[in-house]
Amino acid sequence: MTAQLSAGDYALTANYQGDGNYQSSVSAAQSLKIDSQGYWLAGADGEVFPLGTALPLGSTEGILNAPIVGIAATPNGGGYWEVAKDGGIFSFGNAHFYGSMGGSHLNQPIVGIASTPDGGGYWEVARDAGVFTFGDAQFYGSMGNEHLNQPIVGIATDPATGGYWMVAGDGGIFSFNAPFLGSAGGIHLNAPVVGMAATPGGGGYWKVGADGGLFTQGNAPFLGSMGGQRLNSPVVAIQATASGAGYRMVASDGGLFTFGDAEFDGSTGGQPLGAPVAGIAG
């Protein structure tokens, strides 16, 4: 029964309907807490793999004009958005559709998506650092039309300010209505950075490389990495736990690596996939 419930707090009662010998009765409520330890993996073909407590809410498999490049969950974990390379947005569960760049001219392809802190909107970010806002997402600036040493590969929301950070392949960070807490730009990297995640309070962020190497800034704790380890496939994304005391890395084959309080609830590593995994959300 609990497998059908999304994360949250519940009050459970036992209800006896009664019969010819006994009257009906209802028990006192008992509390049940389901932690949000599930997560979704999104394939480039739009297929979504729910793992742990994450519910199967739908996917875009077979109906895409362009590959999926990212996935973002709603703040309460009841839904998610998938974003395609052409800016198309696909919403599932309690994630509302607020618009997209699908069908519009883009100077560079979209590479990532981030939800606003209340889930009432989202940002799309392009490879050239162009930012597109929908719903209650505010535009605080971008690096579009500016020279970049390396293309943008991801975006993360600052929960404290409602602003955002963008990260480039060289680890450079660009902050907008969010504090600059440091970057890996200008230092030698063994592999390019492929994504980032923010701490729940917005006081720090992690950046992950394709080799599983991890870089921390602000109050983001270093809890381990896959740097220097042999990987079957490159890492493509990182997701932080709700506590900020853990994180998960996912590789393009769906292999999953957990650190801190991040639980391992399964992966698609070793399974045949229709397309590489492109992102993770929880």
Protein backbone atom coordinates (compact mmCIF):
# COMPACT_ATOMS: atom_id res chain seq x y z
CA MET A 1 0.00 0.00 0.00
CA THR A 2 2.73 2.48 0.93
CA ALA A 3 4.36 1.94 -2.48
CA GLN A 4 1.44 3.90 -3.98
CA LEU A 5 2.02 6.93 -1.76
CA SER A 6 4.32 9.76 -2.68
CA ALA A 7 6.69 11.25 -0.11
CA GLY A 8 5.05 13.09 2.77
CA ASP A 9 3.32 12.74 6.16
CA TYR A 10 0.17 10.68 6.45
CA ALA A 11 -2.39 9.80 9.15
CA LEU A 12 -3.56 6.18 8.83
CA THR A 13 -6.72 4.74 10.37
CA ALA A 14 -8.26 1.27 10.42
CA ASN A 15 -11.95 1.28 9.53
CA TYR A 16 -14.15 -1.69 10.51
CA GLN A 17 -17.50 -1.66 8.69
CA GLY A 18 -19.29 -3.73 11.33
CA ASP A 19 -21.46 -6.81 10.98
CA GLY A 20 -24.39 -8.49 12.70
CA ASN A 21 -22.43 -9.01 15.89
CA TYR A 22 -20.25 -5.93 16.21
CA GLN A 23 -20.71 -2.23 15.57
CA SER A 24 -18.55 -0.36 13.11
CA SER A 25 -15.49 1.44 14.48
CA VAL A 26 -12.53 3.57 13.43
CA SER A 27 -9.16 3.38 15.12
CA ALA A 28 -7.12 6.32 16.32
CA ALA A 29 -4.91 7.80 13.61
CA GLN A 30 -1.36 6.54 13.36
CA SER A 31 1.27 8.67 11.69
CA LEU A 32 3.29 7.48 8.71
CA LYS A 33 6.18 9.37 7.18
CA ILE A 34 7.49 8.43 3.73
CA ASP A 35 10.84 9.99 3.01
CA SER A 36 11.59 11.34 -0.43
CA GLN A 37 14.45 8.97 -1.24
CA GLY A 38 13.22 7.94 -4.66
CA TYR A 39 14.47 9.36 -7.92
CA TRP A 40 13.85 9.34 -11.63
CA LEU A 41 16.37 8.76 -14.40
CA ALA A 42 15.56 10.34 -17.76
CA GLY A 43 16.79 8.87 -21.01
CA ALA A 44 17.63 10.94 -24.08
CA ASP A 45 14.71 9.22 -25.81
CA GLY A 46 12.32 10.53 -23.14
CA GLU A 47 11.91 7.28 -21.23
CA VAL A 48 11.76 7.83 -17.46
CA PHE A 49 12.86 5.17 -14.98
CA PRO A 50 11.27 5.55 -11.49
CA LEU A 51 13.36 4.04 -8.71
CA GLY A 52 12.79 3.74 -4.96
CA THR A 53 9.68 5.63 -3.82
CA ALA A 54 9.48 7.60 -7.09
CA LEU A 55 6.18 6.94 -8.85
CA PRO A 56 5.78 6.14 -12.57
CA LEU A 57 4.20 9.37 -13.80
CA GLY A 58 4.81 9.15 -17.55
CA SER A 59 7.42 9.83 -20.18
CA THR A 60 7.89 11.26 -23.67
CA GLU A 61 9.34 8.12 -25.21
CA GLY A 62 8.51 7.96 -28.92
CA ILE A 63 7.04 11.48 -29.24
CA LEU A 64 10.11 13.72 -29.38
CA ASN A 65 11.35 16.15 -32.02
CA ALA A 66 14.71 16.39 -30.23
CA PRO A 67 16.52 14.41 -27.50
CA ILE A 68 15.87 14.99 -23.81
CA VAL A 69 18.78 16.78 -22.11
CA GLY A 70 17.50 17.25 -18.56
CA ILE A 71 14.87 16.55 -15.92
CA ALA A 72 13.79 18.57 -12.86
CA ALA A 73 11.45 17.54 -10.05
CA THR A 74 8.82 19.68 -8.36
CA PRO A 75 9.78 20.77 -4.83
CA ASN A 76 7.52 18.19 -3.13
CA GLY A 77 8.60 15.38 -5.45
CA GLY A 78 5.13 14.87 -6.89
CA GLY A 79 6.08 15.47 -10.50
CA TYR A 80 8.78 16.43 -12.95
CA TRP A 81 9.57 18.25 -16.15
CA GLU A 82 11.65 16.88 -19.00
CA VAL A 83 13.37 19.37 -21.30
CA ALA A 84 14.51 18.62 -24.84
CA LYS A 85 17.44 19.96 -26.80
CA ASP A 86 15.06 22.16 -28.85
CA GLY A 87 13.55 23.67 -25.67
CA GLY A 88 10.40 21.56 -25.65
CA ILE A 89 8.99 20.98 -22.15
CA PHE A 90 7.02 17.92 -21.04
CA SER A 91 5.33 17.90 -17.62
CA PHE A 92 4.13 14.98 -15.50
CA GLY A 93 2.46 14.50 -12.12
CA ASN A 94 1.92 17.81 -10.33
CA ALA A 95 4.43 19.61 -12.55
CA HIS A 96 2.50 22.23 -14.53
CA PHE A 97 3.30 23.30 -18.07
CA TYR A 98 4.14 27.02 -18.13
CA GLY A 99 5.48 27.29 -21.68
CA SER A 100 8.61 26.27 -23.58
CA MET A 101 11.03 27.22 -26.32
CA GLY A 102 9.88 24.33 -28.49
CA GLY A 103 9.28 25.60 -32.01
CA SER A 104 11.21 28.82 -31.39
CA HIS A 105 14.53 29.84 -32.92
CA LEU A 106 17.50 29.15 -30.65
CA ASN A 107 21.02 30.38 -31.22
CA GLN A 108 22.31 27.32 -29.34
CA PRO A 109 20.60 24.17 -28.06
CA ILE A 110 19.13 23.88 -24.57
CA VAL A 111 21.29 21.96 -22.09
CA GLY A 112 19.41 22.14 -18.78
CA ILE A 113 16.39 23.03 -16.67
CA ALA A 114 15.88 24.18 -13.08
CA SER A 115 12.67 24.64 -11.09
CA THR A 116 11.87 27.75 -9.06
CA PRO A 117 11.83 27.19 -5.28
CA ASP A 118 8.00 26.99 -5.15
CA GLY A 119 7.65 24.92 -8.31
CA GLY A 120 5.60 27.60 -10.00
CA GLY A 121 7.99 28.01 -12.91
CA TYR A 122 11.31 27.00 -14.42
CA TRP A 123 14.33 28.22 -16.31
CA GLU A 124 15.77 26.72 -19.46
CA VAL A 125 19.44 27.38 -20.16
CA ALA A 126 21.18 27.09 -23.51
CA ARG A 127 24.71 26.09 -24.40
CA ASP A 128 25.61 29.76 -25.00
CA ALA A 129 24.23 30.72 -21.52
CA GLY A 130 21.00 32.15 -22.87
CA VAL A 131 18.27 31.90 -20.21
CA PHE A 132 14.54 31.49 -20.87
CA THR A 133 11.95 31.95 -18.11
CA PHE A 134 8.49 30.47 -17.64
CA GLY A 135 5.83 30.71 -14.93
CA ASP A 136 7.11 32.60 -11.89
CA ALA A 137 10.75 32.19 -12.89
CA GLN A 138 12.40 35.62 -13.00
CA PHE A 139 15.06 36.69 -15.46
CA TYR A 140 18.08 37.94 -13.53
CA GLY A 141 20.55 37.98 -16.39
CA SER A 142 22.51 35.66 -18.63
CA MET A 143 25.77 35.29 -20.50
CA GLY A 144 24.10 35.12 -23.88
CA ASN A 145 26.13 37.01 -26.52
CA GLU A 146 29.14 37.06 -24.16
CA HIS A 147 32.38 35.20 -24.81
CA LEU A 148 32.61 31.93 -22.91
CA ASN A 149 35.76 29.89 -22.52
CA GLN A 150 33.62 26.74 -22.48
CA PRO A 151 29.92 26.11 -23.19
CA ILE A 152 27.34 26.00 -20.40
CA VAL A 153 26.40 22.49 -19.28
CA GLY A 154 23.92 23.04 -16.44
CA ILE A 155 21.87 25.31 -14.18
CA ALA A 156 20.85 25.17 -10.51
CA THR A 157 18.43 27.22 -8.42
CA ASP A 158 19.48 29.13 -5.31
CA PRO A 159 16.66 28.25 -2.87
CA ALA A 160 17.58 31.19 -0.63
CA THR A 161 17.34 34.01 -3.17
CA GLY A 162 15.33 32.52 -6.03
CA GLY A 163 18.23 33.23 -8.36
CA TYR A 164 20.35 30.77 -10.27
CA TRP A 165 23.83 29.59 -11.08
CA MET A 166 25.10 28.33 -14.42
CA VAL A 167 28.12 26.09 -14.81
CA ALA A 168 30.37 25.71 -17.84
CA GLY A 169 32.36 22.70 -19.01
CA ASP A 170 35.55 24.12 -17.52
CA GLY A 171 33.88 24.50 -14.11
CA GLY A 172 33.34 28.24 -14.44
CA ILE A 173 30.32 29.51 -12.46
CA PHE A 174 28.08 32.41 -13.44
CA SER A 175 25.74 33.65 -10.70
CA PHE A 176 22.58 35.73 -11.09
CA ASN A 177 20.74 36.99 -8.00
CA ALA A 178 22.74 34.28 -6.24
CA PRO A 179 26.06 34.56 -4.38
CA PHE A 180 29.23 33.59 -6.18
CA LEU A 181 30.81 30.94 -3.97
CA GLY A 182 33.76 29.93 -6.12
CA SER A 183 34.43 27.93 -9.26
CA ALA A 184 36.81 25.50 -10.90
CA GLY A 185 37.37 27.78 -13.87
CA GLY A 186 41.04 28.26 -14.62
CA ILE A 187 42.27 25.07 -12.94
CA HIS A 188 43.27 21.87 -14.71
CA LEU A 189 40.45 19.32 -14.94
CA ASN A 190 40.92 15.66 -15.76
CA ALA A 191 37.50 15.66 -17.43
CA PRO A 192 34.96 18.34 -18.29
CA VAL A 193 32.28 19.35 -15.78
CA VAL A 194 28.87 18.01 -16.82
CA GLY A 195 26.46 19.31 -14.16
CA MET A 196 25.83 20.92 -10.80
CA ALA A 197 23.49 20.77 -7.81
CA ALA A 198 22.84 23.26 -5.01
CA THR A 199 22.57 22.63 -1.28
CA PRO A 200 18.99 22.95 0.09
CA GLY A 201 19.74 26.21 1.87
CA GLY A 202 21.52 27.75 -1.08
CA GLY A 203 24.82 28.19 0.74
CA GLY A 204 26.83 26.00 -1.58
CA TYR A 205 26.94 23.83 -4.66
CA TRP A 206 28.56 20.74 -6.11
CA LYS A 207 29.95 20.35 -9.63
CA VAL A 208 30.59 16.94 -11.12
CA GLY A 209 32.92 15.93 -13.93
CA ALA A 210 32.40 13.28 -16.59
CA ASP A 211 34.97 11.14 -14.74
CA GLY A 212 32.99 11.38 -11.49
CA GLY A 213 35.33 13.94 -9.97
CA LEU A 214 33.62 16.35 -7.56
CA PHE A 215 34.21 20.01 -6.75
CA THR A 216 32.57 21.70 -3.76
CA GLN A 217 31.96 25.36 -3.04
CA GLY A 218 30.40 27.18 -0.10
CA ASN A 219 28.88 24.85 2.50
CA ALA A 220 28.51 21.91 0.12
CA PRO A 221 30.27 19.00 1.85
CA PHE A 222 32.67 16.69 0.08
CA LEU A 223 31.38 13.18 0.80
CA GLY A 224 33.30 11.24 -1.79
CA SER A 225 33.55 10.95 -5.56
CA MET A 226 34.30 8.56 -8.40
CA GLY A 227 37.36 10.54 -9.51
CA GLY A 228 40.20 8.18 -10.30
CA GLN A 229 37.91 5.14 -10.45
CA ARG A 230 37.20 3.13 -13.58
CA LEU A 231 33.74 3.90 -15.00
CA ASN A 232 31.86 1.88 -17.59
CA SER A 233 30.28 5.10 -18.89
CA PRO A 234 30.81 8.80 -18.21
CA VAL A 235 28.88 10.60 -15.48
CA VAL A 236 26.24 12.95 -16.89
CA ALA A 237 24.46 14.53 -13.88
CA ILE A 238 24.34 14.98 -10.11
CA GLN A 239 21.38 15.23 -7.71
CA ALA A 240 21.49 16.34 -4.06
CA THR A 241 19.40 14.79 -1.29
CA ALA A 242 16.80 16.89 0.51
CA SER A 243 18.99 17.14 3.61
CA GLY A 244 22.03 18.37 1.70
CA ALA A 245 24.06 15.64 3.40
CA GLY A 246 24.36 13.47 0.32
CA TYR A 247 24.26 13.29 -3.44
CA ARG A 248 23.92 10.87 -6.33
CA MET A 249 25.85 10.79 -9.58
CA VAL A 250 24.38 9.07 -12.62
CA ALA A 251 26.28 7.84 -15.68
CA SER A 252 25.04 7.66 -19.25
CA ASP A 253 24.37 3.93 -18.88
CA GLY A 254 22.23 4.62 -15.81
CA GLY A 255 24.88 3.45 -13.37
CA LEU A 256 24.37 5.20 -10.04
CA PHE A 257 26.90 6.25 -7.39
CA THR A 258 25.70 7.39 -3.95
CA PHE A 259 27.45 9.38 -1.23
CA GLY A 260 26.54 10.61 2.24
CA ASP A 261 22.90 9.95 3.15
CA ALA A 262 21.87 9.29 -0.46
CA GLU A 263 20.27 5.86 -0.60
CA PHE A 264 20.84 3.49 -3.49
CA ASP A 265 17.38 2.49 -4.72
CA GLY A 266 18.42 0.90 -7.98
CA SER A 267 19.83 1.88 -11.36
CA THR A 268 19.72 0.92 -15.02
CA GLY A 269 23.41 0.07 -15.11
CA GLY A 270 23.90 -3.18 -17.00
CA GLN A 271 20.44 -3.03 -18.58
CA PRO A 272 19.85 -2.50 -22.30
CA LEU A 273 18.66 1.07 -22.89
CA GLY A 274 16.99 2.61 -25.89
CA ALA A 275 19.11 5.74 -25.42
CA PRO A 276 21.72 7.05 -22.94
CA VAL A 277 20.54 8.45 -19.61
CA ALA A 278 20.56 12.25 -19.69
CA GLY A 279 19.60 13.31 -16.18
CA ILE A 280 18.40 12.53 -12.67
CA ALA A 281 15.79 14.16 -10.43
CA GLY A 282 14.34 13.29 -7.04
